[in-house]
């Protein structure tokens, strides 16, 4: 489990770094990359065993933007 947690932490750190300076993963609008990743990150902290939104502060606002873009399209 520690190995897998370290792997996801590394991956989420990359995503967080990108989203700290960009609205979406690849541009100004959501792409298939954003949509694909979103499905994996909407689980509550109790189910993950850790809190992605708390640990990776750029991911929470991105999830909010994804929710808003889905509701408006």
PDB file of N, CA and C in Angstrom:
ATOM      1  N   UNK A   1       0.817  -1.181   0.000  1.00  0.00           N
ATOM      2  CA  UNK A   1       0.000   0.000   0.000  1.00  0.00           C
ATOM      3  C   UNK A   1       0.870   1.258   0.000  1.00  0.00           C
ATOM      4  N   UNK A   2       1.957   1.235   0.726  1.00  0.00           N
ATOM      5  CA  UNK A   2       2.827   2.412   0.780  1.00  0.00           C
ATOM      6  C   UNK A   2       3.395   2.715  -0.604  1.00  0.00           C
ATOM      7  N   UNK A   3       3.757   1.682  -1.342  1.00  0.00           N
ATOM      8  CA  UNK A   3       4.275   1.871  -2.695  1.00  0.00           C
ATOM      9  C   UNK A   3       3.222   2.518  -3.588  1.00  0.00           C
ATOM     10  N   UNK A   4       1.993   2.024  -3.541  1.00  0.00           N
ATOM     11  CA  UNK A   4       0.918   2.569  -4.372  1.00  0.00           C
ATOM     12  C   UNK A   4       0.570   3.997  -3.963  1.00  0.00           C
ATOM     13  N   UNK A   5       0.564   4.277  -2.667  1.00  0.00           N
ATOM     14  CA  UNK A   5       0.284   5.635  -2.194  1.00  0.00           C
ATOM     15  C   UNK A   5       1.362   6.597  -2.693  1.00  0.00           C
ATOM     16  N   UNK A   6       2.595   6.167  -2.664  1.00  0.00           N
ATOM     17  CA  UNK A   6       3.682   7.011  -3.170  1.00  0.00           C
ATOM     18  C   UNK A   6       3.523   7.277  -4.659  1.00  0.00           C
ATOM     19  N   UNK A   7       3.081   6.281  -5.404  1.00  0.00           N
ATOM     20  CA  UNK A   7       2.864   6.457  -6.852  1.00  0.00           C
ATOM     21  C   UNK A   7       1.758   7.470  -7.119  1.00  0.00           C
ATOM     22  N   UNK A   8       0.646   7.353  -6.411  1.00  0.00           N
ATOM     23  CA  UNK A   8      -0.442   8.296  -6.643  1.00  0.00           C
ATOM     24  C   UNK A   8      -0.057   9.696  -6.160  1.00  0.00           C
ATOM     25  N   UNK A   9       0.685   9.789  -5.074  1.00  0.00           N
ATOM     26  CA  UNK A   9       1.139  11.098  -4.611  1.00  0.00           C
ATOM     27  C   UNK A   9       2.011  11.776  -5.663  1.00  0.00           C
ATOM     28  N   UNK A  10       2.884  11.031  -6.290  1.00  0.00           N
ATOM     29  CA  UNK A  10       3.724  11.585  -7.346  1.00  0.00           C
ATOM     30  C   UNK A  10       2.907  12.063  -8.526  1.00  0.00           C
ATOM     31  N   UNK A  11       1.942  11.272  -8.926  1.00  0.00           N
ATOM     32  CA  UNK A  11       1.085  11.643 -10.062  1.00  0.00           C
ATOM     33  C   UNK A  11       0.216  12.854  -9.735  1.00  0.00           C
ATOM     34  N   UNK A  12      -0.370  12.868  -8.556  1.00  0.00           N
ATOM     35  CA  UNK A  12      -1.214  13.999  -8.169  1.00  0.00           C
ATOM     36  C   UNK A  12      -0.396  15.273  -7.996  1.00  0.00           C
ATOM     37  N   UNK A  13       0.847  15.152  -7.587  1.00  0.00           N
ATOM     38  CA  UNK A  13       1.711  16.330  -7.474  1.00  0.00           C
ATOM     39  C   UNK A  13       1.937  16.956  -8.850  1.00  0.00           C
ATOM     40  N   UNK A  14       2.098  16.137  -9.876  1.00  0.00           N
ATOM     41  CA  UNK A  14       2.263  16.640 -11.240  1.00  0.00           C
ATOM     42  C   UNK A  14       0.995  17.346 -11.693  1.00  0.00           C
ATOM     43  N   UNK A  15      -0.157  16.723 -11.467  1.00  0.00           N
ATOM     44  CA  UNK A  15      -1.439  17.321 -11.849  1.00  0.00           C
ATOM     45  C   UNK A  15      -1.641  18.631 -11.092  1.00  0.00           C
ATOM     46  N   UNK A  16      -1.373  18.627  -9.804  1.00  0.00           N
ATOM     47  CA  UNK A  16      -1.536  19.823  -8.983  1.00  0.00           C
ATOM     48  C   UNK A  16      -0.649  20.958  -9.485  1.00  0.00           C
ATOM     49  N   UNK A  17       0.586  20.649  -9.816  1.00  0.00           N
ATOM     50  CA  UNK A  17       1.510  21.675 -10.310  1.00  0.00           C
ATOM     51  C   UNK A  17       0.986  22.293 -11.606  1.00  0.00           C
ATOM     52  N   UNK A  18       0.501  21.460 -12.505  1.00  0.00           N
ATOM     53  CA  UNK A  18      -0.041  21.961 -13.771  1.00  0.00           C
ATOM     54  C   UNK A  18      -1.270  22.844 -13.525  1.00  0.00           C
ATOM     55  N   UNK A  19      -2.170  22.383 -12.667  1.00  0.00           N
ATOM     56  CA  UNK A  19      -3.406  23.124 -12.415  1.00  0.00           C
ATOM     57  C   UNK A  19      -3.184  24.379 -11.573  1.00  0.00           C
ATOM     58  N   UNK A  20      -2.045  24.490 -10.933  1.00  0.00           N
ATOM     59  CA  UNK A  20      -1.735  25.705 -10.178  1.00  0.00           C
ATOM     60  C   UNK A  20      -1.534  26.900 -11.110  1.00  0.00           C
ATOM     61  N   UNK A  21      -1.199  26.615 -12.377  1.00  0.00           N
ATOM     62  CA  UNK A  21      -0.951  27.718 -13.310  1.00  0.00           C
ATOM     63  C   UNK A  21      -1.815  27.661 -14.570  1.00  0.00           C
ATOM     64  N   UNK A  22      -2.725  26.690 -14.647  1.00  0.00           N
ATOM     65  CA  UNK A  22      -3.606  26.543 -15.811  1.00  0.00           C
ATOM     66  C   UNK A  22      -5.012  26.181 -15.340  1.00  0.00           C
ATOM     67  N   UNK A  23      -6.010  26.658 -16.051  1.00  0.00           N
ATOM     68  CA  UNK A  23      -7.396  26.363 -15.677  1.00  0.00           C
ATOM     69  C   UNK A  23      -7.741  24.891 -15.879  1.00  0.00           C
ATOM     70  N   UNK A  24      -7.189  24.304 -16.932  1.00  0.00           N
ATOM     71  CA  UNK A  24      -7.445  22.897 -17.256  1.00  0.00           C
ATOM     72  C   UNK A  24      -6.123  22.236 -17.613  1.00  0.00           C
ATOM     73  N   UNK A  25      -6.122  20.944 -17.761  1.00  0.00           N
ATOM     74  CA  UNK A  25      -4.875  20.221 -17.970  1.00  0.00           C
ATOM     75  C   UNK A  25      -4.133  20.632 -19.236  1.00  0.00           C
ATOM     76  N   UNK A  26      -4.885  20.865 -20.326  1.00  0.00           N
ATOM     77  CA  UNK A  26      -4.208  21.112 -21.604  1.00  0.00           C
ATOM     78  C   UNK A  26      -4.536  22.439 -22.262  1.00  0.00           C
ATOM     79  N   UNK A  27      -5.314  23.283 -21.642  1.00  0.00           N
ATOM     80  CA  UNK A  27      -5.652  24.539 -22.290  1.00  0.00           C
ATOM     81  C   UNK A  27      -6.659  25.348 -21.511  1.00  0.00           C
ATOM     82  N   UNK A  28      -7.369  26.193 -22.235  1.00  0.00           N
ATOM     83  CA  UNK A  28      -8.343  27.092 -21.616  1.00  0.00           C
ATOM     84  C   UNK A  28      -9.718  26.472 -21.447  1.00  0.00           C
ATOM     85  N   UNK A  29      -9.898  25.296 -22.038  1.00  0.00           N
ATOM     86  CA  UNK A  29     -11.182  24.593 -21.966  1.00  0.00           C
ATOM     87  C   UNK A  29     -10.927  23.142 -21.580  1.00  0.00           C
ATOM     88  N   UNK A  30     -11.930  22.495 -20.999  1.00  0.00           N
ATOM     89  CA  UNK A  30     -11.755  21.078 -20.671  1.00  0.00           C
ATOM     90  C   UNK A  30     -11.555  20.246 -21.938  1.00  0.00           C
ATOM     91  N   UNK A  31     -10.707  19.260 -21.836  1.00  0.00           N
ATOM     92  CA  UNK A  31     -10.486  18.309 -22.922  1.00  0.00           C
ATOM     93  C   UNK A  31     -10.789  16.907 -22.408  1.00  0.00           C
ATOM     94  N   UNK A  32     -10.621  15.938 -23.254  1.00  0.00           N
ATOM     95  CA  UNK A  32     -10.838  14.543 -22.851  1.00  0.00           C
ATOM     96  C   UNK A  32      -9.917  14.162 -21.690  1.00  0.00           C
ATOM     97  N   UNK A  33      -8.760  14.795 -21.605  1.00  0.00           N
ATOM     98  CA  UNK A  33      -7.850  14.518 -20.489  1.00  0.00           C
ATOM     99  C   UNK A  33      -8.484  14.925 -19.163  1.00  0.00           C
ATOM    100  N   UNK A  34      -9.106  16.110 -19.132  1.00  0.00           N
ATOM    101  CA  UNK A  34      -9.783  16.561 -17.915  1.00  0.00           C
ATOM    102  C   UNK A  34     -10.959  15.656 -17.574  1.00  0.00           C
ATOM    103  N   UNK A  35     -11.748  15.354 -18.571  1.00  0.00           N
ATOM    104  CA  UNK A  35     -12.933  14.516 -18.353  1.00  0.00           C
ATOM    105  C   UNK A  35     -12.528  13.143 -17.835  1.00  0.00           C
ATOM    106  N   UNK A  36     -11.499  12.568 -18.423  1.00  0.00           N
ATOM    107  CA  UNK A  36     -11.037  11.239 -18.000  1.00  0.00           C
ATOM    108  C   UNK A  36     -10.556  11.245 -16.557  1.00  0.00           C
ATOM    109  N   UNK A  37      -9.791  12.258 -16.200  1.00  0.00           N
ATOM    110  CA  UNK A  37      -9.237  12.317 -14.845  1.00  0.00           C
ATOM    111  C   UNK A  37     -10.299  12.629 -13.798  1.00  0.00           C
ATOM    112  N   UNK A  38     -11.285  13.426 -14.177  1.00  0.00           N
ATOM    113  CA  UNK A  38     -12.322  13.835 -13.233  1.00  0.00           C
ATOM    114  C   UNK A  38     -12.995  12.644 -12.569  1.00  0.00           C
ATOM    115  N   UNK A  39     -13.309  11.640 -13.345  1.00  0.00           N
ATOM    116  CA  UNK A  39     -14.010  10.482 -12.804  1.00  0.00           C
ATOM    117  C   UNK A  39     -13.264   9.776 -11.687  1.00  0.00           C
ATOM    118  N   UNK A  40     -11.956   9.892 -11.692  1.00  0.00           N
ATOM    119  CA  UNK A  40     -11.152   9.239 -10.661  1.00  0.00           C
ATOM    120  C   UNK A  40     -11.001  10.069  -9.397  1.00  0.00           C
ATOM    121  N   UNK A  41     -11.325  11.352  -9.470  1.00  0.00           N
ATOM    122  CA  UNK A  41     -11.018  12.241  -8.348  1.00  0.00           C
ATOM    123  C   UNK A  41     -12.238  12.747  -7.583  1.00  0.00           C
ATOM    124  N   UNK A  42     -13.418  12.307  -7.933  1.00  0.00           N
ATOM    125  CA  UNK A  42     -14.625  12.769  -7.241  1.00  0.00           C
ATOM    126  C   UNK A  42     -14.997  11.928  -6.026  1.00  0.00           C
ATOM    127  N   UNK A  43     -14.237  10.920  -5.711  1.00  0.00           N
ATOM    128  CA  UNK A  43     -14.558  10.094  -4.554  1.00  0.00           C
ATOM    129  C   UNK A  43     -14.285  10.860  -3.271  1.00  0.00           C
ATOM    130  N   UNK A  44     -15.127  10.685  -2.267  1.00  0.00           N
ATOM    131  CA  UNK A  44     -14.892  11.372  -0.994  1.00  0.00           C
ATOM    132  C   UNK A  44     -13.647  10.833  -0.294  1.00  0.00           C
ATOM    133  N   UNK A  45     -13.087  11.657   0.573  1.00  0.00           N
ATOM    134  CA  UNK A  45     -11.860  11.292   1.292  1.00  0.00           C
ATOM    135  C   UNK A  45     -12.015   9.980   2.056  1.00  0.00           C
ATOM    136  N   UNK A  46     -13.216   9.718   2.561  1.00  0.00           N
ATOM    137  CA  UNK A  46     -13.425   8.477   3.326  1.00  0.00           C
ATOM    138  C   UNK A  46     -13.204   7.238   2.457  1.00  0.00           C
ATOM    139  N   UNK A  47     -13.537   7.346   1.184  1.00  0.00           N
ATOM    140  CA  UNK A  47     -13.356   6.198   0.295  1.00  0.00           C
ATOM    141  C   UNK A  47     -11.928   6.079  -0.207  1.00  0.00           C
ATOM    142  N   UNK A  48     -11.259   7.208  -0.413  1.00  0.00           N
ATOM    143  CA  UNK A  48      -9.865   7.195  -0.844  1.00  0.00           C
ATOM    144  C   UNK A  48      -8.935   6.796   0.286  1.00  0.00           C
ATOM    145  N   UNK A  49      -9.266   7.242   1.481  1.00  0.00           N
ATOM    146  CA  UNK A  49      -8.365   7.054   2.611  1.00  0.00           C
ATOM    147  C   UNK A  49      -7.444   8.247   2.811  1.00  0.00           C
ATOM    148  N   UNK A  50      -7.549   9.249   1.950  1.00  0.00           N
ATOM    149  CA  UNK A  50      -6.821  10.504   2.090  1.00  0.00           C
ATOM    150  C   UNK A  50      -7.603  11.576   1.347  1.00  0.00           C
ATOM    151  N   UNK A  51      -7.302  12.837   1.654  1.00  0.00           N
ATOM    152  CA  UNK A  51      -8.083  13.950   1.130  1.00  0.00           C
ATOM    153  C   UNK A  51      -7.324  14.660   0.008  1.00  0.00           C
ATOM    154  N   UNK A  52      -7.659  14.347  -1.222  1.00  0.00           N
ATOM    155  CA  UNK A  52      -6.977  14.924  -2.372  1.00  0.00           C
ATOM    156  C   UNK A  52      -7.129  16.439  -2.397  1.00  0.00           C
ATOM    157  N   UNK A  53      -8.339  16.938  -2.168  1.00  0.00           N
ATOM    158  CA  UNK A  53      -8.597  18.378  -2.247  1.00  0.00           C
ATOM    159  C   UNK A  53      -7.771  19.131  -1.205  1.00  0.00           C
ATOM    160  N   UNK A  54      -7.629  18.562  -0.026  1.00  0.00           N
ATOM    161  CA  UNK A  54      -6.844  19.213   1.028  1.00  0.00           C
ATOM    162  C   UNK A  54      -5.346  19.119   0.731  1.00  0.00           C
ATOM    163  N   UNK A  55      -4.903  17.966   0.279  1.00  0.00           N
ATOM    164  CA  UNK A  55      -3.475  17.735   0.062  1.00  0.00           C
ATOM    165  C   UNK A  55      -2.943  18.373  -1.222  1.00  0.00           C
ATOM    166  N   UNK A  56      -3.825  18.613  -2.181  1.00  0.00           N
ATOM    167  CA  UNK A  56      -3.425  19.172  -3.484  1.00  0.00           C
ATOM    168  C   UNK A  56      -4.349  20.348  -3.792  1.00  0.00           C
ATOM    169  N   UNK A  57      -4.002  21.545  -3.316  1.00  0.00           N
ATOM    170  CA  UNK A  57      -4.919  22.685  -3.342  1.00  0.00           C
ATOM    171  C   UNK A  57      -5.361  23.165  -4.715  1.00  0.00           C
ATOM    172  N   UNK A  58      -4.662  22.858  -5.775  1.00  0.00           N
ATOM    173  CA  UNK A  58      -5.103  23.288  -7.115  1.00  0.00           C
ATOM    174  C   UNK A  58      -6.139  22.335  -7.706  1.00  0.00           C
ATOM    175  N   UNK A  59      -6.239  21.144  -7.171  1.00  0.00           N
ATOM    176  CA  UNK A  59      -7.171  20.152  -7.716  1.00  0.00           C
ATOM    177  C   UNK A  59      -8.615  20.463  -7.321  1.00  0.00           C
ATOM    178  N   UNK A  60      -8.853  20.941  -6.113  1.00  0.00           N
ATOM    179  CA  UNK A  60     -10.215  21.272  -5.671  1.00  0.00           C
ATOM    180  C   UNK A  60     -10.895  22.307  -6.565  1.00  0.00           C
ATOM    181  N   UNK A  61     -10.250  23.449  -6.815  1.00  0.00           N
ATOM    182  CA  UNK A  61     -10.860  24.437  -7.713  1.00  0.00           C
ATOM    183  C   UNK A  61     -11.057  23.908  -9.137  1.00  0.00           C
ATOM    184  N   UNK A  62     -10.153  23.073  -9.596  1.00  0.00           N
ATOM    185  CA  UNK A  62     -10.307  22.453 -10.921  1.00  0.00           C
ATOM    186  C   UNK A  62     -11.543  21.560 -10.946  1.00  0.00           C
ATOM    187  N   UNK A  63     -11.758  20.779  -9.897  1.00  0.00           N
ATOM    188  CA  UNK A  63     -12.969  19.949  -9.831  1.00  0.00           C
ATOM    189  C   UNK A  63     -14.215  20.823  -9.852  1.00  0.00           C
ATOM    190  N   UNK A  64     -14.162  21.968  -9.168  1.00  0.00           N
ATOM    191  CA  UNK A  64     -15.290  22.909  -9.203  1.00  0.00           C
ATOM    192  C   UNK A  64     -15.510  23.439 -10.622  1.00  0.00           C
ATOM    193  N   UNK A  65     -14.428  23.770 -11.319  1.00  0.00           N
ATOM    194  CA  UNK A  65     -14.557  24.239 -12.708  1.00  0.00           C
ATOM    195  C   UNK A  65     -15.124  23.150 -13.595  1.00  0.00           C
ATOM    196  N   UNK A  66     -14.704  21.927 -13.368  1.00  0.00           N
ATOM    197  CA  UNK A  66     -15.228  20.811 -14.176  1.00  0.00           C
ATOM    198  C   UNK A  66     -16.725  20.638 -13.922  1.00  0.00           C
ATOM    199  N   UNK A  67     -17.146  20.719 -12.678  1.00  0.00           N
ATOM    200  CA  UNK A  67     -18.567  20.614 -12.353  1.00  0.00           C
ATOM    201  C   UNK A  67     -19.349  21.724 -13.043  1.00  0.00           C
ATOM    202  N   UNK A  68     -18.830  22.942 -12.977  1.00  0.00           N
ATOM    203  CA  UNK A  68     -19.512  24.081 -13.607  1.00  0.00           C
ATOM    204  C   UNK A  68     -19.576  23.916 -15.119  1.00  0.00           C
ATOM    205  N   UNK A  69     -18.506  23.413 -15.721  1.00  0.00           N
ATOM    206  CA  UNK A  69     -18.513  23.262 -17.185  1.00  0.00           C
ATOM    207  C   UNK A  69     -19.468  22.156 -17.629  1.00  0.00           C
ATOM    208  N   UNK A  70     -19.630  21.148 -16.833  1.00  0.00           N
ATOM    209  CA  UNK A  70     -20.571  20.071 -17.160  1.00  0.00           C
ATOM    210  C   UNK A  70     -22.006  20.586 -17.054  1.00  0.00           C
ATOM    211  N   UNK A  71     -22.266  21.390 -16.047  1.00  0.00           N
ATOM    212  CA  UNK A  71     -23.625  21.901 -15.845  1.00  0.00           C
ATOM    213  C   UNK A  71     -24.031  22.925 -16.897  1.00  0.00           C
ATOM    214  N   UNK A  72     -23.056  23.629 -17.474  1.00  0.00           N
ATOM    215  CA  UNK A  72     -23.396  24.653 -18.464  1.00  0.00           C
ATOM    216  C   UNK A  72     -23.394  24.108 -19.886  1.00  0.00           C
ATOM    217  N   UNK A  73     -22.878  22.930 -20.090  1.00  0.00           N
ATOM    218  CA  UNK A  73     -22.834  22.362 -21.441  1.00  0.00           C
ATOM    219  C   UNK A  73     -23.838  21.298 -21.584  1.00  0.00           C
TER     220      UNK A  73
END
